[in-house]
Amino acid sequence: SQAVQLLHELFQEEQSSLARQFTQPLAEKVSGYLQCLFGPETTVQVKLGADNKFEGLEIVRPDRQSGALGFDVLSGGAREQVAAALRLAMAEVLAAGQPDKCLPLVFDDAFAYSDPGRVRTLQRMLDLAATRGLQVIVLTCNPADYATLGAREFRLPEPTRTASVPLAPIESTST
């Protein structure tokens, strides 16, 4: 029974080591993106449960001295931005295994809860992703918010309006 217990403990240690090995690069990449938004001292910690399952992220901003902040206590805009940073970091990690090291990432009006000043700051994060080899596609109803991004802009044509046509003939009931 001691051998089984030792084997179990060794297995748990190895599993924890592997989880840290794979989560640390992700945390570093997310931190790099969030530093564009929240300052150069910002770091991210990946929270793992007892069974080494992903439980969330904690953001550490030493300039605020508030300790680690969980995702659930962030404002709606900050949640959008952290989620975008996580998506960018994941795409970057996945792109490393691709032959051309490039993956497209689409944001479809993903920053609706971010104030205009934060959206301008957010462009540094999107630019960093492009610099790191990701293809970032932003779909938006407010292209002016992204005018300084320096990207190529494509505008979709306005939908054409057609007169409504009845599906069945209207019957007259005159007597």
Protein backbone atom coordinates (compact mmCIF):
# COMPACT_ATOMS: atom_id res chain seq x y z
CA SER A 1 0.00 0.00 0.00
CA GLN A 2 2.95 2.35 0.64
CA ALA A 3 4.17 1.75 -2.91
CA VAL A 4 0.74 2.66 -4.31
CA GLN A 5 0.67 5.79 -2.14
CA LEU A 6 4.17 6.79 -3.28
CA LEU A 7 3.22 6.19 -6.90
CA HIS A 8 0.12 8.35 -6.45
CA GLU A 9 2.16 11.17 -4.88
CA LEU A 10 4.78 11.01 -7.65
CA PHE A 11 2.02 11.07 -10.27
CA GLN A 12 0.42 14.15 -8.63
CA GLU A 13 3.78 15.95 -8.48
CA GLU A 14 4.48 15.21 -12.14
CA GLN A 15 0.99 16.31 -13.13
CA SER A 16 1.45 19.58 -11.21
CA SER A 17 4.85 20.12 -12.82
CA LEU A 18 3.40 19.62 -16.31
CA ALA A 19 0.49 21.95 -15.57
CA ARG A 20 2.91 24.68 -14.45
CA GLN A 21 5.11 24.03 -17.48
CA PHE A 22 2.22 24.73 -19.83
CA THR A 23 0.45 27.48 -17.89
CA GLN A 24 3.54 29.60 -17.21
CA PRO A 25 4.13 30.54 -20.90
CA LEU A 26 0.43 31.37 -21.22
CA ALA A 27 0.53 33.57 -18.11
CA GLU A 28 3.62 35.36 -19.43
CA LYS A 29 1.97 36.05 -22.79
CA VAL A 30 -1.27 37.28 -21.18
CA SER A 31 0.81 39.49 -18.88
CA GLY A 32 2.54 41.02 -21.89
CA TYR A 33 -0.79 41.94 -23.45
CA LEU A 34 -2.25 43.30 -20.23
CA GLN A 35 0.83 45.45 -19.65
CA CYS A 36 -0.27 47.40 -22.74
CA LEU A 37 -3.49 48.25 -20.87
CA PHE A 38 -2.70 48.35 -17.18
CA GLY A 39 1.00 49.24 -17.04
CA PRO A 40 4.41 47.55 -17.20
CA GLU A 41 4.23 45.97 -13.72
CA THR A 42 1.04 44.01 -14.44
CA THR A 43 1.31 40.24 -14.21
CA VAL A 44 -1.13 37.37 -14.48
CA GLN A 45 -1.31 34.22 -12.44
CA VAL A 46 -3.14 31.16 -13.73
CA LYS A 47 -5.15 29.53 -10.98
CA LEU A 48 -5.23 25.75 -11.00
CA GLY A 49 -7.39 23.62 -8.76
CA ALA A 50 -6.31 20.64 -6.71
CA ASP A 51 -6.86 18.44 -9.76
CA ASN A 52 -4.76 20.80 -11.95
CA LYS A 53 -7.81 22.06 -13.82
CA PHE A 54 -7.96 25.67 -14.94
CA GLU A 55 -9.94 27.73 -12.42
CA GLY A 56 -9.28 31.24 -13.65
CA LEU A 57 -6.87 34.13 -13.85
CA GLU A 58 -5.73 36.61 -11.25
CA ILE A 59 -4.35 39.98 -12.27
CA VAL A 60 -1.64 41.53 -10.11
CA ARG A 61 -1.11 45.29 -10.39
CA PRO A 62 1.53 46.37 -7.86
CA ASP A 63 0.73 50.04 -8.55
CA ARG A 64 -2.73 49.46 -7.03
CA GLN A 65 -1.54 47.47 -3.99
CA SER A 66 -4.86 45.66 -3.93
CA GLY A 67 -3.38 42.20 -4.25
CA ALA A 68 -4.43 39.78 -6.93
CA LEU A 69 -7.77 40.56 -8.58
CA GLY A 70 -9.96 37.75 -9.82
CA PHE A 71 -11.75 37.98 -13.14
CA ASP A 72 -15.12 38.08 -11.39
CA VAL A 73 -14.41 41.40 -9.60
CA LEU A 74 -13.43 43.31 -12.75
CA SER A 75 -15.72 45.80 -14.49
CA GLY A 76 -17.45 44.78 -17.71
CA GLY A 77 -14.93 46.65 -19.84
CA ALA A 78 -11.95 45.21 -17.96
CA ARG A 79 -13.39 41.71 -18.38
CA GLU A 80 -13.63 42.24 -22.14
CA GLN A 81 -10.03 43.37 -22.26
CA VAL A 82 -8.68 40.54 -20.10
CA ALA A 83 -10.68 38.02 -22.16
CA ALA A 84 -9.21 39.52 -25.34
CA ALA A 85 -5.69 39.30 -23.88
CA LEU A 86 -6.29 35.65 -23.01
CA ARG A 87 -7.56 34.93 -26.54
CA LEU A 88 -4.53 36.67 -28.06
CA ALA A 89 -2.15 34.73 -25.80
CA MET A 90 -3.84 31.41 -26.59
CA ALA A 91 -3.68 32.14 -30.32
CA GLU A 92 0.00 32.99 -29.96
CA VAL A 93 0.70 29.73 -28.11
CA LEU A 94 -1.24 27.75 -30.73
CA ALA A 95 0.43 29.61 -33.61
CA ALA A 96 3.83 28.44 -32.42
CA GLY A 97 2.85 24.97 -33.64
CA GLN A 98 1.78 26.18 -37.10
CA PRO A 99 4.15 26.11 -40.07
CA ASP A 100 3.71 29.84 -40.81
CA LYS A 101 3.37 30.72 -37.08
CA CYS A 102 0.32 32.86 -37.88
CA LEU A 103 -3.30 32.45 -36.84
CA PRO A 104 -6.21 34.77 -37.53
CA LEU A 105 -8.19 36.06 -34.58
CA VAL A 106 -11.54 37.78 -35.06
CA PHE A 107 -13.00 40.33 -32.65
CA ASP A 108 -16.62 41.12 -33.49
CA ASP A 109 -17.48 44.33 -31.61
CA ALA A 110 -15.74 42.69 -28.68
CA PHE A 111 -15.17 45.92 -26.76
CA ALA A 112 -18.71 47.26 -26.43
CA TYR A 113 -18.31 47.88 -22.67
CA SER A 114 -14.94 49.62 -22.96
CA ASP A 115 -14.88 53.39 -22.78
CA PRO A 116 -13.36 55.29 -25.77
CA GLY A 117 -10.13 56.06 -23.90
CA ARG A 118 -9.61 52.39 -23.07
CA VAL A 119 -10.35 51.39 -26.68
CA ARG A 120 -7.51 53.69 -27.80
CA THR A 121 -5.20 52.05 -25.25
CA LEU A 122 -6.43 48.65 -26.35
CA GLN A 123 -4.96 49.30 -29.79
CA ARG A 124 -1.46 48.87 -28.33
CA MET A 125 -2.45 45.34 -27.31
CA LEU A 126 -3.83 44.55 -30.79
CA ASP A 127 -0.71 46.03 -32.39
CA LEU A 128 1.50 43.86 -30.14
CA ALA A 129 -0.44 40.79 -31.31
CA ALA A 130 0.14 41.74 -34.95
CA THR A 131 3.83 42.35 -34.23
CA ARG A 132 4.02 38.86 -32.72
CA GLY A 133 2.63 37.37 -35.93
CA LEU A 134 -1.10 37.09 -35.34
CA GLN A 135 -3.60 38.26 -37.92
CA VAL A 136 -6.06 40.42 -35.98
CA ILE A 137 -9.43 41.12 -37.58
CA VAL A 138 -11.68 43.65 -35.87
CA LEU A 139 -15.31 43.86 -36.95
CA THR A 140 -16.97 46.98 -35.64
CA CYS A 141 -19.81 49.43 -36.12
CA ASN A 142 -17.45 52.20 -34.95
CA PRO A 143 -14.43 52.17 -37.27
CA ALA A 144 -13.32 55.58 -35.99
CA ASP A 145 -12.43 53.89 -32.68
CA TYR A 146 -9.71 51.96 -34.50
CA ALA A 147 -8.57 54.60 -37.02
CA THR A 148 -5.14 54.99 -35.40
CA LEU A 149 -4.45 51.25 -35.45
CA GLY A 150 -2.77 51.60 -38.83
CA ALA A 151 -4.54 48.61 -40.28
CA ARG A 152 -6.25 48.18 -43.58
CA GLU A 153 -9.93 49.04 -43.42
CA PHE A 154 -12.66 47.29 -45.36
CA ARG A 155 -16.17 48.71 -45.29
CA LEU A 156 -19.15 46.57 -46.08
CA PRO A 157 -21.67 48.16 -48.42
CA GLU A 158 -24.94 49.38 -46.98
CA PRO A 159 -27.70 46.84 -47.48
CA THR A 160 -30.04 47.76 -50.29
CA ARG A 161 -33.60 48.43 -49.34
CA THR A 162 -36.27 47.03 -51.57
CA ALA A 163 -39.95 47.81 -51.57
CA SER A 164 -41.97 45.23 -49.76
CA VAL A 165 -43.83 42.90 -52.06
CA PRO A 166 -46.88 41.07 -50.79
CA LEU A 167 -46.51 37.32 -50.84
CA ALA A 168 -50.11 36.69 -51.88
CA PRO A 169 -52.50 38.81 -53.93
CA ILE A 170 -54.81 41.00 -51.92
CA GLU A 171 -58.44 40.09 -52.61
CA SER A 172 -61.02 42.76 -53.01
CA THR A 173 -64.38 42.33 -51.28
CA SER A 174 -66.41 45.03 -52.99
CA THR A 175 -70.12 44.50 -53.36
